Amino acid sequence: MRKPLIVGNWKMNTTISEGVELVKSVIDSGVDQLSVDFGFAPPFISIYEIKKYLNDSHILAGQNMYFEDSGAYTGEISADMLLGAGCNYVILGHSERRHIFGETDEVINKKVLHALKKGLNVILCVGELLEEREAGCEVETVLRQVGLGLKSVEKGLINNVVIAYEPVWAIGTGKTASKDDAEKMHMEIRKYIAKLYDDDVAQRIRIMYGGSVKPENIKELMSSPEIDGALVGGASLKAESFIKILKYYE
């Protein structure tokens, strides 16, 4: 059975002190780590300080990274920098990286391969635009992103990858894919993973949902056997709402 995974992606929000207080409040709430794996993806400048309040089983994720070890890449962050600050995960391919900053599937794949090579676990984000769903090509779009994102990822490393399905039209809009829509896409992704690798890999890989996840819809989403967790945006910025999401099992 796949253990649920819930991660709060803070995006470009919170100062260092605000992030520390948020993490302390969540940790002090007593979330059952036997029931759910959970953690945070804070801004880069807060990672080192926040790590002080986490144990080794918590997830601490970078929101992005570059595919080179070092060099003249002003403003970029390397895998070694993330590891040195205490990260064990990195989010790659988020829709905002794709559609605001122009990252292609090929660039995202380079990042995935480099992160895995360095020993980071990867949360690979995929998802369709509203016009792609309305055109009926949402499955084709998402599976293309999965396939190109995982290109050349060896079977021995796929266990270090989590897929996050985030329909772009549901991110930050208040709209959420219905449980049935999310479940269907998760099933399609899992079947595709089986084709790329095998059934065993497909049954082990965790597929999260993201897109306006909040306390009011988390229980319904998590009631699906195909949905293995959530990548939470805005609702993870307030301790009260994120704690309710993390304790969905109560």
Protein backbone atom coordinates (compact mmCIF):
# COMPACT_ATOMS: atom_id res chain seq x y z
CA MET A 1 0.00 0.00 0.00
CA ARG A 2 1.30 3.45 -0.94
CA LYS A 3 1.76 5.82 2.00
CA PRO A 4 0.15 9.23 1.38
CA LEU A 5 2.44 12.21 0.80
CA ILE A 6 1.38 15.82 1.39
CA VAL A 7 3.72 18.74 0.71
CA GLY A 8 3.09 22.45 1.13
CA ASN A 9 4.51 24.48 -1.75
CA TRP A 10 4.86 28.03 -0.46
CA LYS A 11 5.94 29.50 -3.81
CA MET A 12 7.16 33.13 -3.46
CA ASN A 13 5.59 33.66 -0.05
CA THR A 14 6.81 34.01 3.57
CA THR A 15 9.90 35.57 5.08
CA ILE A 16 12.35 33.36 6.97
CA SER A 17 10.77 34.18 10.34
CA GLU A 18 7.24 33.64 9.00
CA GLY A 19 8.28 30.29 7.55
CA VAL A 20 9.84 29.13 10.80
CA GLU A 21 6.73 30.02 12.79
CA LEU A 22 4.54 28.20 10.27
CA VAL A 23 6.66 25.06 10.42
CA LYS A 24 6.81 25.11 14.22
CA SER A 25 3.02 25.37 14.43
CA VAL A 26 2.52 22.45 12.06
CA ILE A 27 5.10 20.24 13.76
CA ASP A 28 3.70 21.04 17.21
CA SER A 29 0.20 19.98 16.08
CA GLY A 30 1.21 16.33 16.25
CA VAL A 31 0.55 15.11 12.72
CA ASP A 32 0.82 11.30 12.71
CA GLN A 33 3.88 10.46 10.61
CA LEU A 34 2.79 6.83 10.52
CA SER A 35 -0.34 7.90 8.62
CA VAL A 36 1.14 10.42 6.22
CA ASP A 37 4.51 11.58 4.92
CA PHE A 38 4.55 15.36 4.88
CA GLY A 39 6.73 18.38 4.55
CA PHE A 40 7.38 21.78 3.04
CA ALA A 41 8.78 23.48 -0.05
CA PRO A 42 9.77 26.93 1.23
CA PRO A 43 11.59 29.72 -0.62
CA PHE A 44 15.28 28.93 -1.06
CA ILE A 45 16.47 31.46 1.52
CA SER A 46 14.44 29.76 4.27
CA ILE A 47 15.43 26.13 3.69
CA TYR A 48 18.50 25.99 5.95
CA GLU A 49 16.73 27.60 8.90
CA ILE A 50 13.58 25.49 8.54
CA LYS A 51 15.59 22.27 8.44
CA LYS A 52 16.48 22.86 12.10
CA TYR A 53 12.88 22.11 13.09
CA LEU A 54 12.42 18.94 11.03
CA ASN A 55 13.48 15.35 11.53
CA ASP A 56 14.98 13.16 8.83
CA SER A 57 11.62 11.66 7.89
CA HIS A 58 10.05 15.03 7.06
CA ILE A 59 10.09 16.18 3.45
CA LEU A 60 12.03 19.37 2.77
CA ALA A 61 11.87 20.29 -0.90
CA GLY A 62 13.44 22.88 -3.12
CA GLN A 63 10.93 24.57 -5.42
CA ASN A 64 13.27 24.24 -8.41
CA MET A 65 16.93 23.70 -9.35
CA TYR A 66 19.27 23.93 -12.33
CA PHE A 67 20.82 20.97 -14.13
CA GLU A 68 24.47 22.07 -13.79
CA ASP A 69 26.67 21.60 -10.73
CA SER A 70 28.04 25.15 -10.70
CA GLY A 71 28.98 28.01 -12.97
CA ALA A 72 27.96 31.41 -14.29
CA TYR A 73 24.20 30.91 -13.89
CA THR A 74 23.14 33.99 -11.97
CA GLY A 75 20.13 33.39 -9.76
CA GLU A 76 20.09 29.61 -10.12
CA ILE A 77 20.34 26.95 -7.40
CA SER A 78 22.20 23.64 -7.76
CA ALA A 79 21.34 20.19 -6.45
CA ASP A 80 24.40 20.33 -4.18
CA MET A 81 23.16 23.58 -2.69
CA LEU A 82 19.79 22.03 -1.92
CA LEU A 83 21.38 18.95 -0.40
CA GLY A 84 23.77 21.05 1.63
CA ALA A 85 20.89 23.09 3.03
CA GLY A 86 19.07 19.91 4.09
CA CYS A 87 16.68 19.14 1.24
CA ASN A 88 15.72 15.58 0.39
CA TYR A 89 13.26 16.47 -2.40
CA VAL A 90 12.94 18.96 -5.25
CA ILE A 91 9.84 20.04 -7.19
CA LEU A 92 10.43 20.09 -10.95
CA GLY A 93 8.19 20.98 -13.87
CA HIS A 94 5.66 23.01 -11.91
CA SER A 95 3.19 24.69 -14.25
CA GLU A 96 4.42 28.12 -13.18
CA ARG A 97 7.93 27.13 -14.26
CA ARG A 98 6.54 25.85 -17.55
CA HIS A 99 4.13 28.65 -18.41
CA ILE A 100 5.59 31.75 -16.72
CA PHE A 101 9.29 31.00 -17.11
CA GLY A 102 9.13 29.00 -20.32
CA GLU A 103 10.71 25.74 -19.17
CA THR A 104 10.34 23.01 -21.79
CA ASP A 105 9.90 19.29 -21.26
CA GLU A 106 13.48 18.82 -22.42
CA VAL A 107 14.85 21.25 -19.81
CA ILE A 108 12.70 19.66 -17.11
CA ASN A 109 14.01 16.22 -18.08
CA LYS A 110 17.60 17.42 -17.73
CA LYS A 111 16.75 18.65 -14.24
CA VAL A 112 15.04 15.36 -13.32
CA LEU A 113 18.02 13.30 -14.44
CA HIS A 114 20.50 15.54 -12.64
CA ALA A 115 18.49 15.64 -9.40
CA LEU A 116 18.20 11.85 -9.31
CA LYS A 117 21.90 11.46 -10.10
CA LYS A 118 22.69 13.70 -7.13
CA GLY A 119 20.44 11.75 -4.77
CA LEU A 120 17.44 14.06 -4.52
CA ASN A 121 13.93 12.69 -4.70
CA VAL A 122 11.87 14.37 -7.42
CA ILE A 123 8.29 15.60 -7.43
CA LEU A 124 7.57 15.85 -11.16
CA CYS A 125 4.60 18.12 -11.89
CA VAL A 126 2.39 17.58 -14.92
CA GLY A 127 -0.93 19.05 -15.96
CA GLU A 128 -3.03 20.43 -18.78
CA LEU A 129 -4.19 23.94 -19.61
CA LEU A 130 -7.92 24.74 -19.66
CA GLU A 131 -7.93 24.93 -23.46
CA GLU A 132 -6.32 21.49 -23.66
CA ARG A 133 -9.02 20.00 -21.44
CA GLU A 134 -11.75 21.72 -23.43
CA ALA A 135 -10.19 20.36 -26.64
CA GLY A 136 -10.28 16.83 -25.21
CA CYS A 137 -6.51 16.32 -25.34
CA GLU A 138 -5.81 16.53 -21.62
CA VAL A 139 -4.73 12.89 -21.29
CA GLU A 140 -2.44 13.12 -24.30
CA THR A 141 -0.90 16.32 -22.92
CA VAL A 142 -0.27 14.93 -19.44
CA LEU A 143 1.14 11.62 -20.64
CA ARG A 144 3.48 13.43 -23.02
CA GLN A 145 4.77 15.48 -20.09
CA VAL A 146 5.23 12.30 -18.02
CA GLY A 147 7.04 10.49 -20.80
CA LEU A 148 9.38 13.36 -21.68
CA GLY A 149 9.98 14.21 -18.03
CA LEU A 150 11.02 10.63 -17.27
CA LYS A 151 13.03 10.09 -20.46
CA SER A 152 16.16 8.04 -19.71
CA VAL A 153 15.24 7.63 -16.02
CA GLU A 154 16.39 4.12 -15.21
CA LYS A 155 14.14 1.66 -13.45
CA GLY A 156 16.45 1.64 -10.47
CA LEU A 157 15.79 5.35 -9.88
CA ILE A 158 12.07 5.58 -10.61
CA ASN A 159 11.30 4.76 -6.96
CA ASN A 160 12.76 8.18 -6.14
CA VAL A 161 10.15 9.95 -8.28
CA VAL A 162 6.69 11.16 -7.28
CA ILE A 163 4.27 12.41 -9.93
CA ALA A 164 2.11 15.44 -9.07
CA TYR A 165 -0.90 15.89 -11.33
CA GLU A 166 -1.87 19.55 -11.26
CA PRO A 167 -4.42 20.71 -13.83
CA VAL A 168 -3.24 24.23 -14.61
CA TRP A 169 -6.78 25.60 -14.67
CA ALA A 170 -7.21 24.57 -11.01
CA ILE A 171 -4.04 26.14 -9.59
CA GLY A 172 -4.78 29.21 -7.51
CA THR A 173 -8.22 29.63 -9.10
CA GLY A 174 -10.37 28.09 -6.41
CA LYS A 175 -11.48 25.49 -8.95
CA THR A 176 -10.66 21.87 -8.20
CA ALA A 177 -10.82 18.90 -10.52
CA SER A 178 -13.64 16.64 -9.44
CA LYS A 179 -12.66 13.48 -7.63
CA ASP A 180 -13.70 11.51 -10.72
CA ASP A 181 -11.65 13.68 -13.09
CA ALA A 182 -8.58 13.51 -10.85
CA GLU A 183 -8.99 9.78 -10.33
CA LYS A 184 -9.28 9.16 -14.06
CA MET A 185 -6.09 11.08 -14.81
CA HIS A 186 -4.21 9.32 -12.03
CA MET A 187 -5.30 5.98 -13.48
CA GLU A 188 -4.10 7.02 -16.94
CA ILE A 189 -0.74 8.09 -15.53
CA ARG A 190 -0.37 4.82 -13.63
CA LYS A 191 -1.18 2.76 -16.74
CA TYR A 192 1.37 4.75 -18.70
CA ILE A 193 4.04 4.19 -16.03
CA ALA A 194 3.33 0.46 -16.35
CA LYS A 195 4.03 0.73 -20.09
CA LEU A 196 7.23 2.68 -19.53
CA TYR A 197 8.47 0.35 -16.79
CA ASP A 198 6.24 -2.46 -15.46
CA ASP A 199 3.17 -3.11 -13.30
CA ASP A 200 5.21 -3.35 -10.13
CA VAL A 201 6.70 0.10 -10.64
CA ALA A 202 3.27 1.49 -11.52
CA GLN A 203 1.77 0.17 -8.32
CA ARG A 204 4.60 1.57 -6.18
CA ILE A 205 4.86 5.07 -7.60
CA ARG A 206 3.01 7.76 -5.70
CA ILE A 207 0.82 10.14 -7.70
CA MET A 208 -0.27 13.28 -5.88
CA TYR A 209 -2.99 15.75 -6.79
CA GLY A 210 -2.52 19.51 -6.77
CA GLY A 211 -4.79 22.40 -7.62
CA SER A 212 -6.77 24.39 -5.04
CA VAL A 213 -6.48 21.66 -2.41
CA LYS A 214 -8.07 22.85 0.83
CA PRO A 215 -9.52 21.44 4.08
CA GLU A 216 -12.97 21.29 2.50
CA ASN A 217 -12.00 18.90 -0.32
CA ILE A 218 -9.02 16.92 0.97
CA LYS A 219 -11.04 14.04 2.45
CA GLU A 220 -12.95 13.48 -0.78
CA LEU A 221 -9.79 13.56 -2.85
CA MET A 222 -7.95 11.22 -0.52
CA SER A 223 -10.85 8.77 -0.50
CA SER A 224 -9.77 7.71 -3.99
CA PRO A 225 -7.39 4.74 -3.99
CA GLU A 226 -5.61 6.31 -6.97
CA ILE A 227 -4.75 9.61 -5.24
CA ASP A 228 -1.68 9.21 -3.06
CA GLY A 229 -1.41 12.67 -1.58
CA ALA A 230 -1.48 16.36 -2.35
CA LEU A 231 0.78 19.21 -3.39
CA VAL A 232 -0.80 22.14 -1.57
CA GLY A 233 -0.34 25.78 -2.50
CA GLY A 234 -2.24 28.62 -0.84
CA ALA A 235 -3.80 26.48 1.89
CA SER A 236 -0.33 25.52 3.12
CA LEU A 237 0.51 29.13 4.00
CA LYS A 238 -1.73 29.14 7.07
CA ALA A 239 -0.94 26.65 9.82
CA GLU A 240 -4.59 26.08 10.70
CA SER A 241 -5.65 25.11 7.18
CA PHE A 242 -2.54 23.04 6.43
CA ILE A 243 -2.89 21.11 9.69
CA LYS A 244 -6.49 20.26 8.78
CA ILE A 245 -5.30 18.99 5.41
CA LEU A 246 -2.51 16.93 6.96
CA LYS A 247 -4.94 15.43 9.47
CA TYR A 248 -7.47 14.44 6.82
CA TYR A 249 -7.38 10.90 8.26
CA GLU A 250 -9.06 11.96 11.51
